[in-house]
C-alpha atoms as a PDB file:
ATOM      1  CA  MET A   1     298.768 196.769 109.397  1.00  0.00           C
ATOM      2  CA  ALA A   2     295.011 196.452 109.113  1.00  0.00           C
ATOM      3  CA  ASN A   3     292.922 199.657 109.279  1.00  0.00           C
ATOM      4  CA  SER A   4     291.371 199.855 112.754  1.00  0.00           C
ATOM      5  CA  SER A   5     288.281 201.516 111.276  1.00  0.00           C
ATOM      6  CA  SER A   6     285.638 199.480 109.431  1.00  0.00           C
ATOM      7  CA  GLU A   7     285.447 202.040 106.626  1.00  0.00           C
ATOM      8  CA  PRO A   8     286.983 201.097 103.361  1.00  0.00           C
ATOM      9  CA  ILE A   9     290.035 202.907 102.110  1.00  0.00           C
ATOM     10  CA  VAL A  10     290.317 203.998  98.463  1.00  0.00           C
ATOM     11  CA  GLU A  11     293.399 202.388  96.955  1.00  0.00           C
ATOM     12  CA  VAL A  12     294.617 203.369  93.583  1.00  0.00           C
ATOM     13  CA  ASN A  13     296.816 200.325  92.865  1.00  0.00           C
ATOM     14  CA  GLY A  14     294.088 198.650  90.886  1.00  0.00           C
ATOM     15  CA  LEU A  15     293.610 201.803  88.793  1.00  0.00           C
ATOM     16  CA  LEU A  16     297.304 201.964  87.683  1.00  0.00           C
ATOM     17  CA  PRO A  17     298.533 200.330  84.484  1.00  0.00           C
ATOM     18  CA  GLN A  18     300.253 196.976  85.105  1.00  0.00           C
ATOM     19  CA  ILE A  19     303.601 198.056  83.751  1.00  0.00           C
ATOM     20  CA  HIS A  20     306.926 198.804  85.392  1.00  0.00           C
ATOM     21  CA  SER A  21     306.778 202.577  85.047  1.00  0.00           C
ATOM     22  CA  ALA A  22     304.115 205.002  84.105  1.00  0.00           C
ATOM     23  CA  GLN A  23     303.491 208.706  84.321  1.00  0.00           C
ATOM     24  CA  ILE A  24     300.166 209.394  86.073  1.00  0.00           C
ATOM     25  CA  ASP A  25     298.451 212.520  87.370  1.00  0.00           C
ATOM     26  CA  ILE A  26     296.113 212.254  90.323  1.00  0.00           C
ATOM     27  CA  HIS A  27     294.218 215.307  91.448  1.00  0.00           C
ATOM     28  CA  VAL A  28     292.083 215.196  94.591  1.00  0.00           C
ATOM     29  CA  HIS A  29     290.324 218.151  96.205  1.00  0.00           C
ATOM     30  CA  VAL A  30     289.023 217.898  99.706  1.00  0.00           C
ATOM     31  CA  SER A  31     287.856 220.862 101.736  1.00  0.00           C
ATOM     32  CA  ILE A  32     287.305 220.254 105.407  1.00  0.00           C
ATOM     33  CA  THR A  33     287.998 221.948 108.701  1.00  0.00           C
ATOM     34  CA  LEU A  34     290.549 220.058 110.792  1.00  0.00           C
ATOM     35  CA  ASN A  35     289.239 220.559 114.280  1.00  0.00           C
ATOM     36  CA  ILE A  36     291.704 218.034 115.759  1.00  0.00           C
ATOM     37  CA  THR A  37     295.499 218.629 115.563  1.00  0.00           C
ATOM     38  CA  PRO A  38     297.929 215.738 115.109  1.00  0.00           C
ATOM     39  CA  PHE A  39     299.153 216.458 118.627  1.00  0.00           C
ATOM     40  CA  VAL A  40     295.611 215.984 120.085  1.00  0.00           C
ATOM     41  CA  ALA A  41     295.074 212.887 118.003  1.00  0.00           C
ATOM     42  CA  ARG A  42     298.324 211.367 119.331  1.00  0.00           C
ATOM     43  CA  GLN A  43     297.367 212.215 122.954  1.00  0.00           C
ATOM     44  CA  LYS A  44     293.932 210.613 122.586  1.00  0.00           C
ATOM     45  CA  VAL A  45     295.411 207.382 121.149  1.00  0.00           C
ATOM     46  CA  GLY A  46     298.292 207.340 123.671  1.00  0.00           C
ATOM     47  CA  GLY A  47     295.801 207.560 126.537  1.00  0.00           C
ATOM     48  CA  LEU A  48     293.527 204.875 125.044  1.00  0.00           C
ATOM     49  CA  VAL A  49     296.326 202.320 124.438  1.00  0.00           C
ATOM     50  CA  LEU A  50     297.829 202.950 127.804  1.00  0.00           C
ATOM     51  CA  SER A  51     294.591 202.234 129.574  1.00  0.00           C
ATOM     52  CA  GLU A  52     293.276 199.538 127.268  1.00  0.00           C
ATOM     53  CA  VAL A  53     296.334 197.704 125.930  1.00  0.00           C
ATOM     54  CA  GLY A  54     299.009 198.143 128.636  1.00  0.00           C
ATOM     55  CA  THR A  55     302.271 199.773 129.678  1.00  0.00           C
ATOM     56  CA  GLY A  56     305.053 199.903 127.117  1.00  0.00           C
ATOM     57  CA  ILE A  57     302.567 200.899 124.385  1.00  0.00           C
ATOM     58  CA  GLY A  58     302.868 204.389 122.836  1.00  0.00           C
ATOM     59  CA  ALA A  59     301.490 206.461 120.059  1.00  0.00           C
ATOM     60  CA  ASP A  60     303.704 207.863 117.282  1.00  0.00           C
ATOM     61  CA  GLU A  61     303.381 210.769 114.852  1.00  0.00           C
ATOM     62  CA  PRO A  62     299.994 210.705 112.990  1.00  0.00           C
ATOM     63  CA  THR A  63     299.478 210.793 109.236  1.00  0.00           C
ATOM     64  CA  LEU A  64     296.420 212.558 107.634  1.00  0.00           C
ATOM     65  CA  VAL A  65     294.499 209.940 105.698  1.00  0.00           C
ATOM     66  CA  LEU A  66     291.445 210.304 103.465  1.00  0.00           C
ATOM     67  CA  SER A  67     288.956 207.452 103.567  1.00  0.00           C
ATOM     68  CA  ASN A  68     285.705 207.082 101.743  1.00  0.00           C
ATOM     69  CA  LYS A  69     283.676 208.965 104.385  1.00  0.00           C
ATOM     70  CA  ARG A  70     286.165 210.603 106.745  1.00  0.00           C
ATOM     71  CA  VAL A  71     289.446 212.440 107.014  1.00  0.00           C
ATOM     72  CA  VAL A  72     291.348 210.842 109.879  1.00  0.00           C
ATOM     73  CA  TRP A  73     294.644 211.048 111.703  1.00  0.00           C
ATOM     74  CA  ARG A  74     296.120 207.595 111.469  1.00  0.00           C
ATOM     75  CA  VAL A  75     298.280 207.136 114.533  1.00  0.00           C
ATOM     76  CA  PRO A  76     300.835 204.282 114.645  1.00  0.00           C
ATOM     77  CA  VAL A  77     301.050 202.362 117.918  1.00  0.00           C
ATOM     78  CA  PHE A  78     304.305 200.912 119.046  1.00  0.00           C
ATOM     79  CA  LEU A  79     305.704 198.737 121.812  1.00  0.00           C
ATOM     80  CA  ALA A  80     308.771 199.989 123.679  1.00  0.00           C
ATOM     81  CA  LEU A  81     310.194 198.358 126.834  1.00  0.00           C
ATOM     82  CA  PRO A  82     312.842 199.474 129.324  1.00  0.00           C
ATOM     83  CA  GLY A  83     316.225 198.081 128.504  1.00  0.00           C
ATOM     84  CA  LEU A  84     314.971 196.847 125.140  1.00  0.00           C
ATOM     85  CA  GLY A  85     313.881 200.193 123.523  1.00  0.00           C
ATOM     86  CA  ARG A  86     311.382 200.366 120.764  1.00  0.00           C
ATOM     87  CA  LEU A  87     310.519 196.853 119.524  1.00  0.00           C
ATOM     88  CA  GLY A  88     308.165 197.741 116.687  1.00  0.00           C
ATOM     89  CA  GLN A  89     304.672 198.777 115.574  1.00  0.00           C
ATOM     90  CA  VAL A  90     301.816 196.762 117.001  1.00  0.00           C
ATOM     91  CA  GLY A  91     298.930 198.544 115.248  1.00  0.00           C
ATOM     92  CA  GLU A  92     297.367 201.867 114.319  1.00  0.00           C
ATOM     93  CA  VAL A  93     294.387 203.849 115.397  1.00  0.00           C
ATOM     94  CA  ASP A  94     292.408 206.271 113.425  1.00  0.00           C
ATOM     95  CA  VAL A  95     291.060 209.528 114.970  1.00  0.00           C
ATOM     96  CA  ASP A  96     288.421 211.520 113.054  1.00  0.00           C
ATOM     97  CA  ALA A  97     290.093 214.845 112.152  1.00  0.00           C
ATOM     98  CA  GLN A  98     286.849 216.806 112.476  1.00  0.00           C
ATOM     99  CA  THR A  99     285.041 215.243 115.477  1.00  0.00           C
ATOM    100  CA  GLY A 100     288.009 213.733 117.464  1.00  0.00           C
ATOM    101  CA  GLU A 101     286.208 210.396 117.666  1.00  0.00           C
ATOM    102  CA  VAL A 102     288.788 207.610 118.263  1.00  0.00           C
ATOM    103  CA  LEU A 103     287.918 204.814 115.840  1.00  0.00           C
ATOM    104  CA  ALA A 104     289.248 201.692 117.687  1.00  0.00           C
ATOM    105  CA  ASP A 105     287.091 198.695 118.579  1.00  0.00           C
ATOM    106  CA  ARG A 106     287.726 195.835 120.990  1.00  0.00           C
ATOM    107  CA  PRO A 107     289.016 193.499 118.250  1.00  0.00           C
ATOM    108  CA  ALA A 108     291.520 196.065 117.049  1.00  0.00           C
ATOM    109  CA  LEU A 109     292.784 196.606 120.607  1.00  0.00           C
ATOM    110  CA  LYS A 110     293.026 192.804 121.039  1.00  0.00           C
ATOM    111  CA  ARG A 111     295.152 192.546 117.958  1.00  0.00           C
ATOM    112  CA  MET A 112     297.484 195.202 119.320  1.00  0.00           C
ATOM    113  CA  ILE A 113     297.928 193.133 122.498  1.00  0.00           C
ATOM    114  CA  ASP A 114     298.502 189.918 120.459  1.00  0.00           C
ATOM    115  CA  ASN A 115     301.072 191.801 118.286  1.00  0.00           C
ATOM    116  CA  ALA A 116     302.874 193.226 121.366  1.00  0.00           C
ATOM    117  CA  ASN A 117     303.005 189.712 122.910  1.00  0.00           C
ATOM    118  CA  ARG A 118     304.573 188.339 119.752  1.00  0.00           C
ATOM    119  CA  LEU A 119     307.200 191.169 119.776  1.00  0.00           C
ATOM    120  CA  ALA A 120     308.016 190.556 123.519  1.00  0.00           C
ATOM    121  CA  PRO A 121     306.662 187.164 124.519  1.00  0.00           C
ATOM    122  CA  ASP A 122     308.511 187.035 127.846  1.00  0.00           C
ATOM    123  CA  THR A 123     306.911 190.223 129.271  1.00  0.00           C
ATOM    124  CA  ALA A 124     303.518 191.038 130.633  1.00  0.00           C
ATOM    125  CA  LEU A 125     301.968 194.266 129.363  1.00  0.00           C
END
């Protein structure tokens, strides 16, 4: 899924040797205060997607992610419908782990709606 934030993510794939197996050591030290818990991040995203995307959309367990400029809770967003259960992930939303800012713009929310409609084309959200 595409990152809902416009900030670039540091990927290490390009830094690894192009061989089948290799021993690498990566050391990263980040010191910040997490003012937002994963529970609060999930609540924020759940409320946003319910009001902006539609019913049947929910927020899952966040993962702590380090981007170039922020530490965020990345919250997967899924579609689940009565009688059908969970149909799949439709997107993800980042929540700044220090400020609580929800980093979702209109195009990201529109992509979630489009993804949900592809998963369940015969239902209205």
